[in-house]
C-alpha cells in the first residue's frame, strides 16, 4: 500500500506516497475512498 489514510472525527486525510497514481495503486485507493464514503467521513 503506497498511501496512508488518517481518520479523524469529522474528516480524513489521505496521503499518497508515490509520485503519481497509476494502475498499481488505483484499485486500493478507490477501495479506501469507498470505505471512507460509506463510513460518512
Protein backbone atom coordinates (compact mmCIF):
# COMPACT_ATOMS: atom_id res chain seq x y z
CA UNK A 1 0.00 0.00 0.00
CA UNK A 2 1.54 3.30 -1.09
CA UNK A 3 -0.77 5.63 0.79
CA UNK A 4 -1.87 6.41 4.32
CA UNK A 5 -5.36 7.34 5.48
CA UNK A 6 -5.62 9.23 8.75
CA UNK A 7 -9.18 9.14 10.05
CA UNK A 8 -10.41 11.86 12.39
CA UNK A 9 -13.84 12.51 13.87
CA UNK A 10 -15.21 14.74 11.10
CA UNK A 11 -12.73 14.25 8.27
CA UNK A 12 -9.98 12.06 6.83
CA UNK A 13 -6.64 12.85 5.24
CA UNK A 14 -5.27 10.58 2.52
CA UNK A 15 -1.56 10.94 1.78
CA UNK A 16 -0.18 9.28 -1.35
CA UNK A 17 3.49 8.29 -1.09
CA UNK A 18 4.07 7.77 -4.83
CA UNK A 19 4.73 10.49 -7.37
CA UNK A 20 1.70 9.56 -9.47
CA UNK A 21 -1.41 7.44 -9.23
CA UNK A 22 -1.33 4.59 -11.73
CA UNK A 23 -2.98 1.21 -12.18
CA UNK A 24 -0.91 -0.39 -9.41
CA UNK A 25 -2.34 1.80 -6.63
CA UNK A 26 -5.67 2.98 -8.08
CA UNK A 27 -7.81 -0.05 -7.06
CA UNK A 28 -6.64 0.10 -3.43
CA UNK A 29 -7.09 3.86 -3.32
CA UNK A 30 -10.59 3.64 -4.78
CA UNK A 31 -11.47 0.97 -2.24
CA UNK A 32 -10.27 3.23 0.58
CA UNK A 33 -12.33 6.15 -0.77
CA UNK A 34 -15.42 3.94 -0.95
CA UNK A 35 -14.88 2.77 2.64
CA UNK A 36 -14.49 6.35 3.85
CA UNK A 37 -17.61 7.38 1.96
CA UNK A 38 -19.67 4.57 3.47
CA UNK A 39 -18.42 5.49 6.95
CA UNK A 40 -19.69 9.02 6.41
CA UNK A 41 -16.29 10.68 6.70
